[in-house]
N, C-alpha and C. Protein backbone atom coordinates (compact mmCIF):
# COMPACT_ATOMS: atom_id res chain seq x y z
N MET A 1 76.47 -226.47 -3.99
CA MET A 1 77.22 -227.72 -3.86
C MET A 1 77.78 -227.84 -2.45
N GLY A 2 78.21 -226.71 -1.89
CA GLY A 2 78.75 -226.74 -0.53
C GLY A 2 77.71 -227.17 0.48
N GLU A 3 76.50 -226.65 0.33
CA GLU A 3 75.43 -227.05 1.23
C GLU A 3 75.20 -228.55 1.16
N ALA A 4 75.15 -229.10 -0.04
CA ALA A 4 74.88 -230.53 -0.21
C ALA A 4 75.99 -231.39 0.39
N VAL A 5 77.23 -231.00 0.17
CA VAL A 5 78.37 -231.76 0.68
C VAL A 5 78.36 -231.77 2.21
N ILE A 6 78.18 -230.61 2.81
CA ILE A 6 78.21 -230.53 4.28
C ILE A 6 76.98 -231.18 4.89
N ALA A 7 75.81 -230.94 4.30
CA ALA A 7 74.58 -231.54 4.84
C ALA A 7 74.62 -233.05 4.79
N ALA A 8 75.20 -233.62 3.74
CA ALA A 8 75.29 -235.08 3.63
C ALA A 8 76.19 -235.66 4.71
N ALA A 9 77.24 -234.93 5.07
CA ALA A 9 78.17 -235.41 6.09
C ALA A 9 77.68 -235.16 7.51
N LEU A 10 76.81 -234.16 7.67
CA LEU A 10 76.31 -233.79 9.00
C LEU A 10 74.78 -233.73 8.98
N PRO A 11 74.13 -234.87 8.76
CA PRO A 11 72.68 -234.86 8.57
C PRO A 11 71.89 -234.42 9.80
N HIS A 12 72.50 -234.41 10.96
CA HIS A 12 71.81 -234.00 12.19
C HIS A 12 71.79 -232.48 12.35
N LEU A 13 72.47 -231.75 11.48
CA LEU A 13 72.52 -230.29 11.57
C LEU A 13 71.68 -229.65 10.47
N ASN A 14 71.24 -228.44 10.73
CA ASN A 14 70.50 -227.66 9.74
C ASN A 14 71.53 -226.88 8.93
N VAL A 15 71.73 -227.29 7.69
CA VAL A 15 72.70 -226.65 6.80
C VAL A 15 71.93 -226.00 5.66
N THR A 16 72.09 -224.70 5.50
CA THR A 16 71.41 -223.99 4.42
C THR A 16 72.39 -223.06 3.72
N SER A 17 72.01 -222.65 2.53
CA SER A 17 72.87 -221.73 1.79
C SER A 17 72.07 -220.53 1.31
N ALA A 18 72.81 -219.46 1.09
CA ALA A 18 72.23 -218.23 0.55
C ALA A 18 73.37 -217.49 -0.13
N GLY A 19 73.02 -216.61 -1.04
CA GLY A 19 74.03 -215.91 -1.80
C GLY A 19 74.01 -214.42 -1.57
N LEU A 20 75.04 -213.77 -2.06
CA LEU A 20 75.12 -212.31 -1.99
C LEU A 20 74.56 -211.68 -3.26
N GLY A 21 74.60 -212.42 -4.35
CA GLY A 21 74.05 -211.95 -5.61
C GLY A 21 73.21 -213.03 -6.24
N ALA A 22 72.49 -213.75 -5.41
CA ALA A 22 71.72 -214.91 -5.87
C ALA A 22 70.59 -214.49 -6.81
N LEU A 23 70.33 -215.34 -7.78
CA LEU A 23 69.18 -215.17 -8.66
C LEU A 23 68.00 -215.82 -7.94
N VAL A 24 67.37 -215.07 -7.07
CA VAL A 24 66.37 -215.58 -6.14
C VAL A 24 65.33 -216.44 -6.84
N GLY A 25 65.11 -217.61 -6.27
CA GLY A 25 64.10 -218.53 -6.78
C GLY A 25 64.59 -219.47 -7.86
N GLN A 26 65.78 -219.24 -8.36
CA GLN A 26 66.31 -220.08 -9.43
C GLN A 26 66.88 -221.38 -8.87
N PRO A 27 66.78 -222.48 -9.64
CA PRO A 27 67.37 -223.74 -9.19
C PRO A 27 68.89 -223.70 -9.32
N ALA A 28 69.53 -224.67 -8.73
CA ALA A 28 70.98 -224.80 -8.87
C ALA A 28 71.33 -224.98 -10.34
N ASP A 29 72.49 -224.53 -10.70
CA ASP A 29 72.97 -224.66 -12.08
C ASP A 29 72.91 -226.14 -12.49
N PRO A 30 72.52 -226.42 -13.73
CA PRO A 30 72.45 -227.82 -14.19
C PRO A 30 73.77 -228.57 -14.02
N LEU A 31 74.90 -227.90 -14.19
CA LEU A 31 76.18 -228.58 -13.99
C LEU A 31 76.38 -228.96 -12.53
N ALA A 32 75.99 -228.08 -11.62
CA ALA A 32 76.07 -228.40 -10.19
C ALA A 32 75.15 -229.56 -9.87
N GLN A 33 73.95 -229.55 -10.42
CA GLN A 33 73.01 -230.64 -10.19
C GLN A 33 73.59 -231.97 -10.70
N ALA A 34 74.21 -231.93 -11.88
CA ALA A 34 74.78 -233.15 -12.45
C ALA A 34 75.93 -233.68 -11.60
N LEU A 35 76.81 -232.80 -11.16
CA LEU A 35 77.93 -233.24 -10.32
C LEU A 35 77.45 -233.83 -9.00
N MET A 36 76.45 -233.21 -8.41
CA MET A 36 75.92 -233.75 -7.16
C MET A 36 75.19 -235.07 -7.40
N ALA A 37 74.47 -235.18 -8.52
CA ALA A 37 73.78 -236.43 -8.84
C ALA A 37 74.78 -237.57 -9.01
N GLU A 38 75.95 -237.28 -9.56
CA GLU A 38 77.00 -238.29 -9.70
C GLU A 38 77.45 -238.83 -8.35
N ARG A 39 77.20 -238.08 -7.30
CA ARG A 39 77.53 -238.50 -5.94
C ARG A 39 76.32 -239.04 -5.20
N GLY A 40 75.21 -239.10 -5.89
CA GLY A 40 73.99 -239.58 -5.26
C GLY A 40 73.28 -238.53 -4.44
N LEU A 41 73.61 -237.26 -4.65
CA LEU A 41 72.98 -236.16 -3.92
C LEU A 41 72.07 -235.39 -4.86
N ASP A 42 70.82 -235.26 -4.49
CA ASP A 42 69.83 -234.57 -5.31
C ASP A 42 69.65 -233.15 -4.80
N ILE A 43 70.06 -232.18 -5.61
CA ILE A 43 69.86 -230.77 -5.24
C ILE A 43 68.83 -230.11 -6.15
N GLY A 44 68.00 -230.92 -6.77
CA GLY A 44 66.98 -230.41 -7.68
C GLY A 44 65.96 -229.49 -7.03
N ALA A 45 65.73 -229.66 -5.75
CA ALA A 45 64.75 -228.83 -5.05
C ALA A 45 65.35 -227.50 -4.57
N HIS A 46 66.66 -227.37 -4.66
CA HIS A 46 67.32 -226.14 -4.18
C HIS A 46 66.85 -224.93 -4.97
N ARG A 47 66.60 -223.84 -4.26
CA ARG A 47 66.26 -222.56 -4.89
C ARG A 47 67.13 -221.48 -4.26
N ALA A 48 67.67 -220.62 -5.11
CA ALA A 48 68.56 -219.56 -4.64
C ALA A 48 67.81 -218.54 -3.80
N ARG A 49 68.51 -218.01 -2.80
CA ARG A 49 67.96 -216.95 -1.97
C ARG A 49 69.09 -216.05 -1.52
N GLN A 50 68.72 -214.82 -1.15
CA GLN A 50 69.69 -213.83 -0.71
C GLN A 50 69.97 -214.00 0.79
N LEU A 51 71.19 -213.77 1.17
CA LEU A 51 71.57 -213.77 2.58
C LEU A 51 70.93 -212.58 3.27
N THR A 52 70.37 -212.82 4.43
CA THR A 52 69.74 -211.73 5.20
C THR A 52 70.39 -211.61 6.57
N GLY A 53 70.15 -210.49 7.21
CA GLY A 53 70.64 -210.29 8.56
C GLY A 53 70.08 -211.31 9.52
N GLN A 54 68.81 -211.64 9.37
CA GLN A 54 68.19 -212.64 10.25
C GLN A 54 68.89 -213.99 10.11
N MET A 55 69.22 -214.38 8.89
CA MET A 55 69.93 -215.64 8.69
C MET A 55 71.27 -215.61 9.42
N CYS A 56 71.96 -214.48 9.32
CA CYS A 56 73.26 -214.35 9.98
C CYS A 56 73.12 -214.40 11.50
N GLN A 57 72.06 -213.78 12.03
CA GLN A 57 71.84 -213.81 13.47
C GLN A 57 71.55 -215.22 13.97
N GLU A 58 70.77 -215.97 13.19
CA GLU A 58 70.35 -217.31 13.61
C GLU A 58 71.43 -218.37 13.41
N ALA A 59 72.37 -218.11 12.55
CA ALA A 59 73.40 -219.10 12.23
C ALA A 59 74.43 -219.24 13.34
N ASP A 60 74.88 -220.46 13.55
CA ASP A 60 75.99 -220.71 14.47
C ASP A 60 77.33 -220.55 13.76
N LEU A 61 77.32 -220.79 12.44
CA LEU A 61 78.52 -220.72 11.63
C LEU A 61 78.11 -220.25 10.24
N ILE A 62 78.88 -219.31 9.69
CA ILE A 62 78.62 -218.79 8.35
C ILE A 62 79.89 -219.02 7.54
N LEU A 63 79.76 -219.77 6.46
CA LEU A 63 80.90 -220.07 5.59
C LEU A 63 80.67 -219.42 4.24
N VAL A 64 81.66 -218.68 3.78
CA VAL A 64 81.60 -218.03 2.48
C VAL A 64 82.68 -218.63 1.59
N MET A 65 82.61 -218.33 0.30
CA MET A 65 83.53 -218.96 -0.64
C MET A 65 84.87 -218.25 -0.76
N ASP A 66 84.89 -216.94 -0.54
CA ASP A 66 86.17 -216.23 -0.71
C ASP A 66 86.28 -215.05 0.24
N GLU A 67 87.45 -214.45 0.24
CA GLU A 67 87.72 -213.35 1.15
C GLU A 67 86.85 -212.13 0.84
N GLU A 68 86.60 -211.88 -0.43
CA GLU A 68 85.74 -210.75 -0.81
C GLU A 68 84.34 -210.91 -0.21
N GLN A 69 83.80 -212.12 -0.27
CA GLN A 69 82.49 -212.37 0.32
C GLN A 69 82.54 -212.21 1.84
N ARG A 70 83.62 -212.68 2.45
CA ARG A 70 83.74 -212.56 3.90
C ARG A 70 83.73 -211.08 4.31
N LEU A 71 84.47 -210.27 3.59
CA LEU A 71 84.51 -208.84 3.88
C LEU A 71 83.14 -208.19 3.66
N HIS A 72 82.46 -208.59 2.61
CA HIS A 72 81.14 -208.04 2.30
C HIS A 72 80.13 -208.37 3.40
N VAL A 73 80.09 -209.64 3.80
CA VAL A 73 79.16 -210.05 4.86
C VAL A 73 79.52 -209.35 6.16
N ASN A 74 80.80 -209.25 6.46
CA ASN A 74 81.23 -208.59 7.69
C ASN A 74 80.83 -207.12 7.71
N GLN A 75 80.90 -206.45 6.57
CA GLN A 75 80.50 -205.04 6.49
C GLN A 75 78.99 -204.88 6.67
N ARG A 76 78.21 -205.73 6.02
CA ARG A 76 76.75 -205.62 6.08
C ARG A 76 76.18 -206.14 7.38
N HIS A 77 76.84 -207.12 7.97
CA HIS A 77 76.33 -207.78 9.18
C HIS A 77 77.48 -207.93 10.18
N PRO A 78 77.96 -206.84 10.76
CA PRO A 78 79.13 -206.89 11.63
C PRO A 78 78.95 -207.79 12.86
N PHE A 79 77.72 -208.04 13.24
CA PHE A 79 77.46 -208.95 14.36
C PHE A 79 77.81 -210.39 14.02
N SER A 80 78.16 -210.67 12.76
CA SER A 80 78.55 -212.02 12.33
C SER A 80 80.00 -212.33 12.68
N ARG A 81 80.74 -211.32 13.08
CA ARG A 81 82.14 -211.50 13.43
C ARG A 81 82.26 -212.60 14.48
N GLY A 82 83.22 -213.45 14.31
CA GLY A 82 83.42 -214.55 15.25
C GLY A 82 82.79 -215.85 14.78
N LYS A 83 81.86 -215.77 13.85
CA LYS A 83 81.25 -216.99 13.31
C LYS A 83 81.25 -216.99 11.78
N LEU A 84 81.99 -216.06 11.20
CA LEU A 84 82.07 -215.87 9.76
C LEU A 84 83.46 -216.24 9.26
N PHE A 85 83.52 -217.25 8.40
CA PHE A 85 84.80 -217.75 7.90
C PHE A 85 84.66 -218.15 6.42
N ARG A 86 85.79 -218.27 5.77
CA ARG A 86 85.80 -218.84 4.42
C ARG A 86 85.68 -220.36 4.53
N LEU A 87 85.02 -220.97 3.58
CA LEU A 87 84.95 -222.43 3.54
C LEU A 87 86.37 -223.00 3.47
N GLY A 88 87.24 -222.33 2.74
CA GLY A 88 88.63 -222.76 2.62
C GLY A 88 89.56 -222.14 3.63
N GLU A 89 89.05 -221.73 4.78
CA GLU A 89 89.84 -221.06 5.81
C GLU A 89 91.03 -221.91 6.26
N VAL A 90 90.77 -223.15 6.57
CA VAL A 90 91.82 -224.03 7.09
C VAL A 90 92.90 -224.27 6.03
N THR A 91 92.47 -224.45 4.79
CA THR A 91 93.41 -224.71 3.70
C THR A 91 93.91 -223.42 3.06
N ARG A 92 93.40 -222.28 3.55
CA ARG A 92 93.80 -220.95 3.08
C ARG A 92 93.57 -220.76 1.58
N ILE A 93 92.38 -221.16 1.14
CA ILE A 93 92.05 -221.01 -0.28
C ILE A 93 90.71 -220.30 -0.45
N ASP A 94 90.61 -219.58 -1.53
CA ASP A 94 89.34 -219.02 -1.96
C ASP A 94 88.77 -219.96 -3.01
N ILE A 95 87.46 -220.04 -3.05
CA ILE A 95 86.79 -220.91 -4.02
C ILE A 95 86.12 -220.01 -5.05
N PRO A 96 86.61 -220.06 -6.30
CA PRO A 96 86.04 -219.19 -7.33
C PRO A 96 84.64 -219.65 -7.74
N ASP A 97 83.82 -218.67 -8.09
CA ASP A 97 82.46 -218.96 -8.56
C ASP A 97 82.54 -219.54 -9.97
N PRO A 98 82.02 -220.73 -10.18
CA PRO A 98 82.10 -221.36 -11.50
C PRO A 98 80.98 -220.97 -12.46
N TYR A 99 80.06 -220.14 -12.00
CA TYR A 99 78.87 -219.80 -12.78
C TYR A 99 79.24 -219.36 -14.20
N ARG A 100 78.64 -220.02 -15.17
CA ARG A 100 78.82 -219.76 -16.61
C ARG A 100 80.22 -220.05 -17.13
N LEU A 101 81.00 -220.83 -16.40
CA LEU A 101 82.37 -221.11 -16.83
C LEU A 101 82.57 -222.55 -17.32
N GLY A 102 81.51 -223.35 -17.34
CA GLY A 102 81.62 -224.70 -17.87
C GLY A 102 81.97 -225.76 -16.84
N ARG A 103 81.88 -227.00 -17.28
CA ARG A 103 82.08 -228.14 -16.39
C ARG A 103 83.46 -228.16 -15.71
N PRO A 104 84.56 -227.86 -16.42
CA PRO A 104 85.85 -227.89 -15.72
C PRO A 104 85.89 -226.93 -14.52
N ALA A 105 85.30 -225.76 -14.65
CA ALA A 105 85.27 -224.80 -13.54
C ALA A 105 84.42 -225.34 -12.39
N PHE A 106 83.31 -226.00 -12.70
CA PHE A 106 82.47 -226.58 -11.65
C PHE A 106 83.21 -227.73 -10.96
N CYS A 107 83.92 -228.54 -11.73
CA CYS A 107 84.69 -229.63 -11.13
C CYS A 107 85.79 -229.10 -10.22
N GLN A 108 86.47 -228.04 -10.66
CA GLN A 108 87.51 -227.44 -9.83
C GLN A 108 86.91 -226.85 -8.56
N ALA A 109 85.80 -226.14 -8.70
CA ALA A 109 85.14 -225.55 -7.53
C ALA A 109 84.73 -226.65 -6.56
N LEU A 110 84.18 -227.74 -7.08
CA LEU A 110 83.75 -228.83 -6.21
C LEU A 110 84.93 -229.47 -5.49
N GLN A 111 86.04 -229.58 -6.17
CA GLN A 111 87.24 -230.13 -5.53
C GLN A 111 87.68 -229.24 -4.36
N LEU A 112 87.64 -227.94 -4.56
CA LEU A 112 88.00 -227.00 -3.50
C LEU A 112 86.96 -227.00 -2.37
N ILE A 113 85.69 -227.10 -2.76
CA ILE A 113 84.60 -227.19 -1.76
C ILE A 113 84.81 -228.44 -0.90
N ASP A 114 85.12 -229.55 -1.55
CA ASP A 114 85.36 -230.80 -0.80
C ASP A 114 86.47 -230.63 0.22
N ALA A 115 87.59 -230.04 -0.21
CA ALA A 115 88.73 -229.86 0.70
C ALA A 115 88.35 -228.98 1.88
N GLY A 116 87.70 -227.86 1.60
CA GLY A 116 87.29 -226.97 2.69
C GLY A 116 86.24 -227.59 3.58
N ALA A 117 85.26 -228.23 2.96
CA ALA A 117 84.18 -228.85 3.73
C ALA A 117 84.70 -229.94 4.66
N MET A 118 85.62 -230.75 4.18
CA MET A 118 86.12 -231.84 5.02
C MET A 118 86.81 -231.29 6.28
N ALA A 119 87.54 -230.20 6.13
CA ALA A 119 88.20 -229.61 7.30
C ALA A 119 87.16 -229.11 8.30
N TRP A 120 86.11 -228.45 7.82
CA TRP A 120 85.05 -227.96 8.73
C TRP A 120 84.26 -229.11 9.32
N ILE A 121 83.97 -230.11 8.52
CA ILE A 121 83.20 -231.26 9.01
C ILE A 121 83.94 -231.94 10.15
N GLU A 122 85.24 -232.10 10.01
CA GLU A 122 86.03 -232.71 11.09
C GLU A 122 85.97 -231.87 12.36
N ARG A 123 86.08 -230.56 12.22
CA ARG A 123 86.02 -229.66 13.39
C ARG A 123 84.65 -229.73 14.05
N ILE A 124 83.61 -229.72 13.26
CA ILE A 124 82.24 -229.76 13.79
C ILE A 124 81.97 -231.08 14.48
N LYS A 125 82.42 -232.17 13.89
CA LYS A 125 82.20 -233.49 14.52
C LYS A 125 82.87 -233.57 15.88
N LYS A 126 84.03 -232.95 16.01
CA LYS A 126 84.71 -232.96 17.31
C LYS A 126 83.94 -232.19 18.37
N LEU A 127 83.18 -231.19 17.93
CA LEU A 127 82.39 -230.37 18.87
C LEU A 127 81.02 -230.97 19.16
N SER A 128 80.57 -231.87 18.31
CA SER A 128 79.21 -232.43 18.46
C SER A 128 79.18 -233.54 19.51
């Protein structure tokens, strides 16, 4: 959902997502697809993939959902330091994983994603 929100706001940038425990090759959760469809965003083609060192090297900015993920990525890919932040960094929030928790959890996660994404989108637009 974060990829879709940011990519829609910054269509001139290459925005991709990857997970730390992704079910590789699987589509986005049906609830995530439904929430994005309600916004006119189609994430049906999305397929999960694992974060790799090469992705981290090539990225200009790496956004994770919570502090635990930030620490994990920093440990595995220490060269990411300086471009690795939480999506909710500005608002000082972690975004819980809604997987298997039902629509209310997905709605809450999306609300937090929106808040974090908007702060990053504004910062990126100022730099573009």
